[in-house]
Protein backbone atom coordinates (compact mmCIF):
# COMPACT_ATOMS: atom_id res chain seq x y z
CA MET A 1 -0.02 0.06 -0.26
CA PRO A 2 1.30 3.45 -1.06
CA ILE A 3 2.56 5.45 1.97
CA ILE A 4 2.75 9.20 1.13
CA GLU A 5 4.39 12.05 3.22
CA ASN A 6 2.34 15.09 1.62
CA ILE A 7 -0.85 14.15 2.23
CA PRO A 8 -3.81 17.12 3.32
CA ASP A 9 -5.98 16.87 6.50
CA LEU A 10 -8.89 14.77 5.49
CA SER A 11 -10.50 14.50 9.30
CA HIS A 12 -13.19 16.84 8.25
CA TRP A 13 -14.28 14.09 5.43
CA ARG A 14 -15.27 11.17 8.48
CA THR A 15 -18.52 11.97 9.55
CA ILE A 16 -19.82 12.22 5.76
CA GLN A 17 -21.72 9.11 5.04
CA GLU A 18 -21.97 9.36 1.45
CA PHE A 19 -19.83 10.48 -1.70
CA THR A 20 -19.86 11.10 -5.37
CA VAL A 21 -18.05 8.43 -7.18
CA GLU A 22 -15.72 11.52 -7.65
CA GLN A 23 -15.16 12.28 -4.21
CA ALA A 24 -14.59 8.41 -3.12
CA SER A 25 -12.13 8.24 -5.79
CA MET A 26 -10.37 11.43 -5.01
CA LEU A 27 -10.19 10.65 -1.33
CA LEU A 28 -8.60 7.28 -1.63
CA ALA A 29 -6.01 9.00 -3.57
CA ALA A 30 -5.51 11.33 -0.15
CA ILE A 31 -6.70 14.19 -2.35
CA ASP A 32 -9.12 16.45 -0.90
CA PRO A 33 -12.14 17.24 -3.31
CA TYR A 34 -13.17 20.52 -1.51
CA ASP A 35 -9.36 22.32 -2.83
CA TYR A 36 -10.59 21.60 -6.61
CA ASP A 37 -13.55 22.99 -7.86
CA ASP A 38 -13.88 20.73 -10.81
CA GLY A 39 -13.06 17.71 -9.20
CA LEU A 40 -10.96 15.01 -11.04
CA ILE A 41 -10.70 17.13 -14.18
CA SER A 42 -9.25 20.02 -11.92
CA ILE A 43 -6.38 17.61 -10.72
CA LYS A 44 -6.10 16.18 -14.15
CA ARG A 45 -5.23 19.83 -15.65
CA ILE A 46 -2.81 20.81 -13.06
CA ARG A 47 -0.88 17.16 -13.12
CA HIS A 48 -1.18 16.44 -9.44
CA GLU A 49 1.44 14.29 -8.71
CA ARG A 50 -1.70 11.57 -7.55
CA TRP A 51 -4.11 12.64 -10.72
CA LYS A 52 -3.58 9.28 -12.62
CA MET A 53 -4.48 7.29 -9.15
CA ALA A 54 -7.58 8.99 -8.58
CA TRP A 55 -8.83 8.47 -12.32
CA GLY A 56 -8.05 4.48 -11.59
CA PHE A 57 -9.98 4.66 -8.60
CA SER A 58 -12.94 6.35 -10.10
CA GLU A 59 -12.98 3.93 -13.17
CA GLY A 60 -12.62 0.74 -10.77
CA ILE A 61 -15.40 2.10 -8.85
CA VAL A 62 -17.63 2.52 -12.10
CA SER A 63 -16.54 -0.61 -13.13
CA ALA A 64 -17.66 -2.61 -9.71
CA ILE A 65 -21.10 -0.57 -10.12
CA ARG A 66 -21.56 -1.73 -13.44
CA ARG A 67 -20.80 -5.73 -11.99
CA GLY A 68 -23.13 -5.11 -9.39
CA VAL A 69 -20.22 -5.53 -6.57
CA LEU A 70 -20.76 -1.83 -5.67
CA THR A 71 -24.70 -0.65 -5.02
CA PRO A 72 -25.02 3.25 -5.42
CA VAL A 73 -27.59 4.54 -3.91
CA VAL A 74 -28.61 6.93 -7.01
CA CYS A 75 -27.18 5.92 -10.47
CA MET A 76 -26.83 9.19 -12.90
CA GLY A 77 -26.17 8.51 -16.08
CA GLU A 78 -24.82 11.13 -18.64
CA ILE A 79 -25.19 11.92 -22.25
CA THR A 80 -22.92 14.25 -23.96
CA SER A 81 -24.93 16.40 -26.79
CA PHE A 82 -23.95 19.25 -29.19
CA ASN A 83 -25.61 22.28 -29.70
CA SER A 84 -25.31 23.70 -32.77
CA TYR A 85 -27.00 27.13 -31.77
CA ASP A 86 -24.09 27.77 -29.13
CA ASN A 87 -21.71 25.75 -30.75
CA GLU A 88 -21.22 23.90 -27.69
CA TYR A 89 -21.25 20.61 -26.07
CA TYR A 90 -23.85 20.06 -23.15
CA ILE A 91 -24.07 17.22 -20.87
CA ASN A 92 -27.66 16.15 -19.78
CA ASN A 93 -27.74 13.78 -16.51
CA GLU A 94 -30.60 11.33 -15.47
CA THR A 95 -30.92 8.37 -13.18
CA ILE A 96 -30.01 5.18 -14.96
CA LYS A 97 -29.77 1.54 -14.00
CA PRO A 98 -25.95 0.44 -13.36
CA THR A 99 -26.53 -2.39 -16.18
CA ASP A 100 -27.40 0.59 -18.95
CA ARG A 101 -24.69 0.68 -21.08
CA THR A 102 -26.20 2.71 -23.62
CA LYS A 103 -25.21 6.10 -21.04
CA ASP A 104 -22.11 6.79 -19.25
CA ILE A 105 -22.25 6.38 -15.37
CA SER A 106 -21.82 10.20 -14.01
CA LYS A 107 -18.99 10.26 -11.73
CA SER A 108 -19.92 13.48 -10.53
CA LYS A 109 -23.58 12.68 -9.73
CA THR A 110 -23.39 8.96 -8.84
CA ILE A 111 -23.77 8.69 -5.28
CA ILE A 112 -21.97 6.10 -2.76
CA THR A 113 -22.50 5.32 0.76
CA ARG A 114 -19.12 4.94 2.96
CA ASP A 115 -20.42 1.55 4.10
CA SER A 116 -20.32 0.41 0.67
CA LEU A 117 -16.92 1.81 -0.71
CA TYR A 118 -15.45 0.31 2.70
CA ALA A 119 -16.92 -3.05 1.44
CA TRP A 120 -15.66 -2.43 -2.29
CA VAL A 121 -12.30 -1.76 -0.74
CA GLU A 122 -12.08 -4.62 1.67
CA ALA A 123 -13.46 -7.26 -1.23
CA GLU A 124 -10.94 -6.20 -3.91
CA ASN A 125 -8.09 -5.55 -1.56
CA VAL A 126 -7.90 -1.74 -2.72
CA ASP A 127 -4.54 -0.47 -2.55
CA PHE A 128 -5.41 3.14 -1.59
CA VAL A 129 -3.07 6.06 -0.16
CA ARG A 130 -2.05 6.33 3.60
CA LYS A 131 -0.03 8.43 5.71
CA PRO A 132 2.99 7.19 7.29
CA PRO A 133 2.57 6.18 11.34
CA ALA A 134 2.67 9.30 13.22
CA THR A 135 5.88 9.25 15.57
CA LYS A 136 5.75 10.08 19.30
CA LEU A 137 7.52 12.98 20.67
CA LYS A 138 9.81 12.34 23.48
CA ASN A 139 9.76 15.88 25.08
CA VAL A 140 8.48 19.32 24.23
CA SER A 141 11.61 20.66 23.04
CA GLU A 142 10.90 18.71 20.16
CA TRP A 143 7.76 19.87 18.95
CA SER A 144 8.06 21.98 15.91
CA GLY A 145 4.33 23.48 16.13
CA GLU A 146 2.45 20.88 14.10
CA LEU A 147 1.30 17.57 15.93
CA PRO A 148 1.65 14.58 13.84
CA SER A 149 -1.69 13.12 12.59
CA THR A 150 -2.73 9.76 12.39
CA GLU A 151 -6.00 10.33 10.57
CA TYR A 152 -6.44 8.20 7.48
CA PHE A 153 -9.55 8.11 5.21
CA VAL A 154 -10.47 4.63 4.55
CA ASP A 155 -8.19 2.72 7.09
CA SER A 156 -9.57 3.62 10.59
CA THR A 157 -8.79 0.06 12.30
CA SER A 158 -5.76 1.66 13.56
CA ASP A 159 -7.92 3.65 16.27
CA PRO A 160 -10.91 1.39 16.94
CA ALA A 161 -12.66 4.16 19.00
CA ILE A 162 -12.92 6.55 15.85
CA GLU A 163 -14.36 4.00 13.50
CA GLU A 164 -16.58 2.82 16.72
CA LYS A 165 -17.96 6.57 16.79
CA LEU A 166 -18.12 7.69 13.24
CA LEU A 167 -18.97 4.17 11.57
CA LEU A 168 -22.43 2.75 11.57
CA PRO A 169 -21.89 -0.50 13.85
CA ARG A 170 -20.90 -3.78 12.38
CA PHE A 171 -22.18 -7.11 13.68
CA GLU A 172 -19.99 -9.74 12.87
CA HIS A 173 -21.63 -13.73 11.94
CA GLN A 174 -21.38 -16.15 9.27
CA SER A 175 -23.70 -19.24 8.33
CA GLU A 176 -23.98 -21.30 5.02
CA GLY A 177 -27.34 -19.46 4.89
CA LEU A 178 -25.92 -16.03 5.24
CA GLU A 179 -23.22 -17.17 2.38
CA TYR A 180 -26.37 -17.99 0.08
CA ILE A 181 -27.88 -14.97 0.75
CA GLU A 182 -24.82 -12.80 -0.02
CA GLU A 183 -24.40 -14.56 -3.23
CA ALA A 184 -28.08 -14.22 -4.34
CA VAL A 185 -27.82 -10.66 -3.74
CA ARG A 186 -24.51 -10.25 -6.03
CA GLN A 187 -26.22 -12.52 -8.75
CA PHE A 188 -29.71 -11.38 -8.69
CA TRP A 189 -30.84 -8.68 -6.58
CA SER A 190 -28.15 -5.82 -6.63
CA THR A 191 -29.40 -4.34 -10.23
CA TYR A 192 -33.18 -4.90 -8.95
CA ASP A 193 -35.04 -1.17 -9.77
CA PRO A 194 -38.31 -1.22 -7.29
CA ASP A 195 -40.20 1.16 -9.88
CA ASP A 196 -39.61 -1.44 -12.42
CA LYS A 197 -40.74 -5.12 -11.39
CA SER A 198 -39.82 -6.81 -14.63
CA THR A 199 -35.77 -6.31 -13.24
CA ALA A 200 -36.88 -8.66 -10.66
CA PRO A 201 -35.32 -12.44 -10.98
CA SER A 202 -37.78 -15.14 -11.35
CA ARG A 203 -38.09 -17.85 -8.13
CA GLU A 204 -36.99 -20.63 -10.58
CA ASP A 205 -34.09 -18.48 -11.36
CA VAL A 206 -33.09 -18.24 -7.76
CA ARG A 207 -33.49 -21.19 -6.24
CA GLY A 208 -31.90 -23.14 -9.37
CA TYR A 209 -28.77 -21.20 -9.12
CA LEU A 210 -28.85 -21.75 -5.59
CA ILE A 211 -29.18 -25.46 -5.64
CA SER A 212 -26.42 -24.90 -8.17
CA LYS A 213 -24.12 -23.91 -5.95
CA GLY A 214 -25.02 -26.69 -3.19
CA ALA A 215 -27.96 -25.12 -1.22
CA GLY A 216 -30.73 -27.77 -0.48
CA VAL A 217 -34.16 -27.47 -2.13
CA ASN A 218 -35.66 -25.87 1.11
CA LEU A 219 -32.99 -23.54 1.88
CA ALA A 220 -32.95 -22.05 -1.78
CA LYS A 221 -36.54 -21.83 -1.31
CA ALA A 222 -36.24 -19.75 2.06
CA VAL A 223 -33.23 -17.55 0.91
CA ASP A 224 -35.84 -16.71 -2.18
CA GLU A 225 -38.62 -15.88 0.28
CA VAL A 226 -36.46 -13.33 2.74
CA LEU A 227 -34.93 -11.45 -0.28
CA ARG A 228 -37.88 -11.30 -2.51
CA PRO A 229 -40.16 -8.18 -1.55
CA PHE A 230 -43.59 -8.29 -0.51
CA GLU A 231 -44.62 -6.39 -3.01
CA LEU A 232 -43.61 -9.10 -5.44
CA LYS A 233 -45.29 -11.71 -3.21
CA LYS A 234 -48.82 -10.43 -3.55
CA GLY A 235 -51.20 -12.92 -5.79
CA GLY A 236 -52.87 -15.95 -5.18
CA ARG A 237 -55.26 -17.79 -7.10
CA LYS A 238 -57.99 -16.00 -9.51
CA PRO A 239 -61.31 -15.96 -8.38
CA LEU A 240 -63.88 -18.77 -9.95
CA LYS A 241 -65.92 -17.80 -12.34
């Protein structure tokens, strides 16, 4: 993992629980988005020493969204169009499904959560920028006017107290059933759109897939029922004529 000396103080981002793809990628590269009005474009224009790293993170996050590995809160697409009257290009944004490849995913408008970013970093073993460990001062005469900082953006495992205060609680437990639930969410439900019921997977597809992965018939049925929204379970026998 890269350890870099000249990193700005990013502690003011710790209480923020949602980021745009652009903000998240810059923070992973230890660049404060507040310092650059045009985000990724700004750091590329001035050739910031870590601009390529930030752009690489942004492409990785977009790819994870496309694959259903990272689920956004809001997925915004963008279409570039040319206005012949003004002789300029314009970007129009609209909400899209992550699977819609007819439009580019907007890095400046698409929103992800801190927890989903943590999960992606951990699952994909993302090598983000960190500060070197702080050195302890032996006596007051060594103090140069600045206290050493141990603040990281993503990695807070070195200070459990900070993680407990600023992150949502995490309760750890594993079982075969939970593994099948996670697998089904990844494969079928991560791209489900509540406003478009046709995007819901069929019972046969979900249960058949889980059985092919080793789940028993009853367990596959139970997982499918747990994950399927109530509104998709409505129905029943049609009244007799």
